[in-house]
Amino acid sequence: MARSKIYNGPKNNRDELYANAPSYEIARTASLFGQAFAIYIKGFELSLSAKQLTFSQWQVLSILHTSPRPVNAMQFKRFLSIEAPTVSQLLNKMEKRNLILRKHSKKDKRTIDVYLTEMGYELLKETIPIIAERLNKSFGSLSKTRREQLDSLTEQIRNNCLKAFGIKTTEADQLLKLLITLGTSRVELDDDFWDKP
């Protein structure tokens, strides 16, 4: 294996390094947006940590409560945007805590369906007020007009990102409906949304 060499070139050669870099203004907007999102998720994590829950685990509980039918293990890969081995580890930890139950599907024995347990439901019920408080603190001080402006801007950024990375907007819209549903009143999702692997 070839050994890496330490870079000894000029430290001030910004032209070569940053020739295709975004403008300062675009980089600042992107950084603020990313930082706000990271803090937002971290806030959720901290709020849920008292219940020994991660944000992903809370999402699993919410998805199971929202879904009109059993959710199979592989669907969580799509719902949570995490890889299959991570999904397995996540579900293993939750099953050990009796928050979920996994069973072979009646339709297809090769598929494992995931169910919400009574303990999982009780924990979800306890955490809804915590999540509501976090959301109200994060967004409640914004006027309706400012929230609508933020919605519009964020939707535009999301759609730009979807286009840049080649992700279908319809799929993202369905996932958005699901995320809005978590911890709020039920939103009806297309049947094929739940059926996709």
Protein backbone atom coordinates (compact mmCIF):
# COMPACT_ATOMS: atom_id res chain seq x y z
CA MET A 1 0.00 0.00 0.00
CA ALA A 2 1.38 3.40 -1.01
CA ARG A 3 2.18 5.73 1.84
CA SER A 4 0.41 9.09 1.97
CA LYS A 5 2.61 12.14 1.63
CA ILE A 6 2.20 15.21 3.80
CA TYR A 7 1.09 18.20 1.76
CA ASN A 8 3.92 20.72 1.62
CA GLY A 9 2.50 23.07 -1.01
CA PRO A 10 1.83 26.76 -0.54
CA LYS A 11 -0.68 27.51 2.23
CA ASN A 12 -1.87 30.70 0.59
CA ASN A 13 -2.74 29.32 -2.85
CA ARG A 14 -6.47 30.03 -2.52
CA ASP A 15 -7.07 30.40 -6.27
CA GLU A 16 -6.45 26.71 -7.00
CA LEU A 17 -8.28 25.38 -3.94
CA TYR A 18 -11.34 27.63 -4.09
CA ALA A 19 -11.70 28.07 -7.87
CA ASN A 20 -15.10 26.31 -7.85
CA ALA A 21 -16.18 27.18 -4.31
CA PRO A 22 -19.54 28.89 -3.69
CA SER A 23 -19.69 32.59 -2.88
CA TYR A 24 -19.33 33.68 0.74
CA GLU A 25 -23.03 34.62 0.84
CA ILE A 26 -24.20 31.19 -0.37
CA ALA A 27 -21.77 29.39 1.97
CA ARG A 28 -23.04 31.48 4.90
CA THR A 29 -26.70 30.69 4.15
CA ALA A 30 -25.94 26.98 3.74
CA SER A 31 -23.91 26.91 6.96
CA LEU A 32 -26.60 28.72 8.99
CA PHE A 33 -29.27 26.37 7.62
CA GLY A 34 -27.13 23.30 8.39
CA GLN A 35 -26.25 24.58 11.86
CA ALA A 36 -29.90 25.36 12.67
CA PHE A 37 -30.95 21.87 11.56
CA ALA A 38 -28.14 20.21 13.55
CA ILE A 39 -29.07 22.16 16.70
CA TYR A 40 -32.76 21.35 16.14
CA ILE A 41 -32.03 17.59 15.94
CA LYS A 42 -29.61 17.79 18.89
CA GLY A 43 -32.34 19.50 20.90
CA PHE A 44 -34.69 16.61 20.16
CA GLU A 45 -31.99 14.12 21.17
CA LEU A 46 -31.38 15.93 24.47
CA SER A 47 -35.11 16.17 25.19
CA LEU A 48 -35.61 12.45 24.57
CA SER A 49 -32.45 11.31 26.38
CA ALA A 50 -34.22 11.45 29.76
CA LYS A 51 -36.42 8.63 28.43
CA GLN A 52 -33.36 6.78 27.03
CA LEU A 53 -34.63 7.34 23.51
CA THR A 54 -32.80 8.55 20.43
CA PHE A 55 -34.57 10.65 17.80
CA SER A 56 -34.50 7.69 15.37
CA GLN A 57 -36.07 5.41 17.99
CA TRP A 58 -38.78 7.99 18.64
CA GLN A 59 -39.44 8.13 14.89
CA VAL A 60 -39.79 4.32 14.79
CA LEU A 61 -42.39 4.42 17.58
CA SER A 62 -44.26 7.23 15.83
CA ILE A 63 -44.18 5.52 12.44
CA LEU A 64 -45.52 2.28 13.94
CA HIS A 65 -48.32 4.17 15.68
CA THR A 66 -49.16 6.13 12.51
CA SER A 67 -49.08 3.25 10.02
CA PRO A 68 -52.43 1.63 9.26
CA ARG A 69 -50.66 -1.72 8.74
CA PRO A 70 -47.49 -3.49 9.94
CA VAL A 71 -44.27 -1.88 8.78
CA ASN A 72 -41.56 -4.26 7.65
CA ALA A 73 -38.01 -3.87 8.85
CA MET A 74 -36.65 -2.76 5.47
CA GLN A 75 -39.20 0.04 5.12
CA PHE A 76 -37.50 1.82 8.01
CA LYS A 77 -34.42 2.18 5.81
CA ARG A 78 -36.49 4.46 3.57
CA PHE A 79 -38.45 6.19 6.32
CA LEU A 80 -35.39 7.08 8.39
CA SER A 81 -32.82 7.45 5.57
CA ILE A 82 -30.37 5.10 7.30
CA GLU A 83 -28.64 1.95 6.07
CA ALA A 84 -29.99 -1.57 6.65
CA PRO A 85 -27.36 -2.66 9.23
CA THR A 86 -28.10 0.49 11.27
CA VAL A 87 -31.84 -0.25 11.05
CA SER A 88 -31.21 -3.77 12.39
CA GLN A 89 -29.14 -2.44 15.30
CA LEU A 90 -31.79 0.17 16.06
CA LEU A 91 -34.62 -2.38 16.06
CA ASN A 92 -32.56 -4.87 18.12
CA LYS A 93 -32.09 -2.28 20.88
CA MET A 94 -35.76 -1.38 20.84
CA GLU A 95 -36.89 -5.00 20.95
CA LYS A 96 -34.61 -5.68 23.94
CA ARG A 97 -36.44 -2.85 25.74
CA ASN A 98 -39.83 -4.36 24.75
CA LEU A 99 -40.76 -1.22 22.80
CA ILE A 100 -41.36 -3.16 19.58
CA LEU A 101 -42.04 -6.74 18.53
CA ARG A 102 -40.87 -8.39 15.31
CA LYS A 103 -42.78 -11.24 13.67
CA HIS A 104 -42.64 -13.03 10.34
CA SER A 105 -45.19 -11.56 7.95
CA LYS A 106 -48.33 -13.62 7.37
CA LYS A 107 -48.19 -12.66 3.68
CA ASP A 108 -44.50 -13.44 3.12
CA LYS A 109 -42.53 -15.51 5.65
CA ARG A 110 -39.26 -13.97 4.39
CA THR A 111 -40.42 -10.53 5.53
CA ILE A 112 -40.23 -9.38 9.15
CA ASP A 113 -43.02 -7.07 10.29
CA VAL A 114 -42.49 -4.69 13.19
CA TYR A 115 -45.22 -3.93 15.73
CA LEU A 116 -45.58 -1.33 18.46
CA THR A 117 -45.90 -2.86 21.94
CA GLU A 118 -47.91 -1.46 24.85
CA MET A 119 -44.65 -0.33 26.49
CA GLY A 120 -43.66 1.39 23.24
CA TYR A 121 -47.02 3.15 23.05
CA GLU A 122 -46.79 4.34 26.67
CA LEU A 123 -43.30 5.74 26.06
CA LEU A 124 -44.49 7.47 22.89
CA LYS A 125 -47.41 8.99 24.81
CA GLU A 126 -45.02 10.29 27.50
CA THR A 127 -42.74 11.92 24.92
CA ILE A 128 -45.36 13.73 22.79
CA PRO A 129 -45.58 16.69 25.27
CA ILE A 130 -41.76 16.89 25.32
CA ILE A 131 -41.63 17.06 21.52
CA ALA A 132 -44.50 19.57 21.43
CA GLU A 133 -42.66 21.83 23.87
CA ARG A 134 -39.48 21.63 21.77
CA LEU A 135 -41.37 22.52 18.59
CA ASN A 136 -43.21 25.39 20.28
CA LYS A 137 -39.95 26.81 21.65
CA SER A 138 -38.27 26.48 18.24
CA PHE A 139 -41.05 27.83 16.03
CA GLY A 140 -43.82 29.21 18.26
CA SER A 141 -42.32 32.69 18.49
CA LEU A 142 -42.47 33.13 14.70
CA SER A 143 -45.51 34.96 13.38
CA LYS A 144 -47.78 33.15 10.94
CA THR A 145 -46.33 35.27 8.12
CA ARG A 146 -42.75 34.42 9.08
CA ARG A 147 -43.59 30.71 9.33
CA GLU A 148 -45.18 30.81 5.88
CA GLN A 149 -42.06 32.54 4.52
CA LEU A 150 -39.87 29.92 6.20
CA ASP A 151 -42.06 27.11 4.80
CA SER A 152 -41.74 28.53 1.30
CA LEU A 153 -37.96 29.03 1.51
CA THR A 154 -37.32 25.64 3.11
CA GLU A 155 -39.51 23.88 0.55
CA GLN A 156 -37.55 25.58 -2.23
CA ILE A 157 -34.23 24.51 -0.66
CA ARG A 158 -35.55 20.96 -0.21
CA ASN A 159 -36.70 20.78 -3.84
CA ASN A 160 -33.36 22.17 -5.06
CA CYS A 161 -31.57 19.49 -3.03
CA LEU A 162 -33.87 16.75 -4.36
CA LYS A 163 -33.15 17.87 -7.91
CA ALA A 164 -29.39 18.14 -7.29
CA PHE A 165 -29.22 14.63 -5.83
CA GLY A 166 -31.73 13.00 -8.20
CA ILE A 167 -34.39 12.14 -5.59
CA LYS A 168 -38.07 12.01 -6.60
CA THR A 169 -40.11 14.90 -5.22
CA THR A 170 -43.25 12.74 -4.87
CA GLU A 171 -41.40 10.34 -2.55
CA ALA A 172 -40.15 13.26 -0.46
CA ASP A 173 -43.67 14.73 -0.29
CA GLN A 174 -45.00 11.44 1.10
CA LEU A 175 -42.20 11.31 3.68
CA LEU A 176 -42.93 14.92 4.62
CA LYS A 177 -46.58 14.02 5.25
CA LEU A 178 -45.40 11.17 7.46
CA LEU A 179 -43.03 13.40 9.44
CA ILE A 180 -45.78 15.99 9.95
CA THR A 181 -48.06 13.20 11.14
CA LEU A 182 -45.61 12.06 13.82
CA GLY A 183 -46.95 13.41 17.08
CA THR A 184 -49.92 15.19 15.46
CA SER A 185 -53.26 14.16 14.01
CA ARG A 186 -53.16 11.42 11.39
CA VAL A 187 -52.62 12.37 7.77
CA GLU A 188 -53.78 9.87 5.17
CA LEU A 189 -50.93 8.59 3.02
CA ASP A 190 -51.24 6.78 -0.29
CA ASP A 191 -51.50 3.00 0.11
CA ASP A 192 -48.47 2.41 -2.07
CA PHE A 193 -46.39 4.59 0.25
CA TRP A 194 -46.59 1.96 3.01
CA ASP A 195 -46.25 -0.97 0.61
CA LYS A 196 -42.93 0.04 -0.95
CA PRO A 197 -39.90 -1.96 0.29
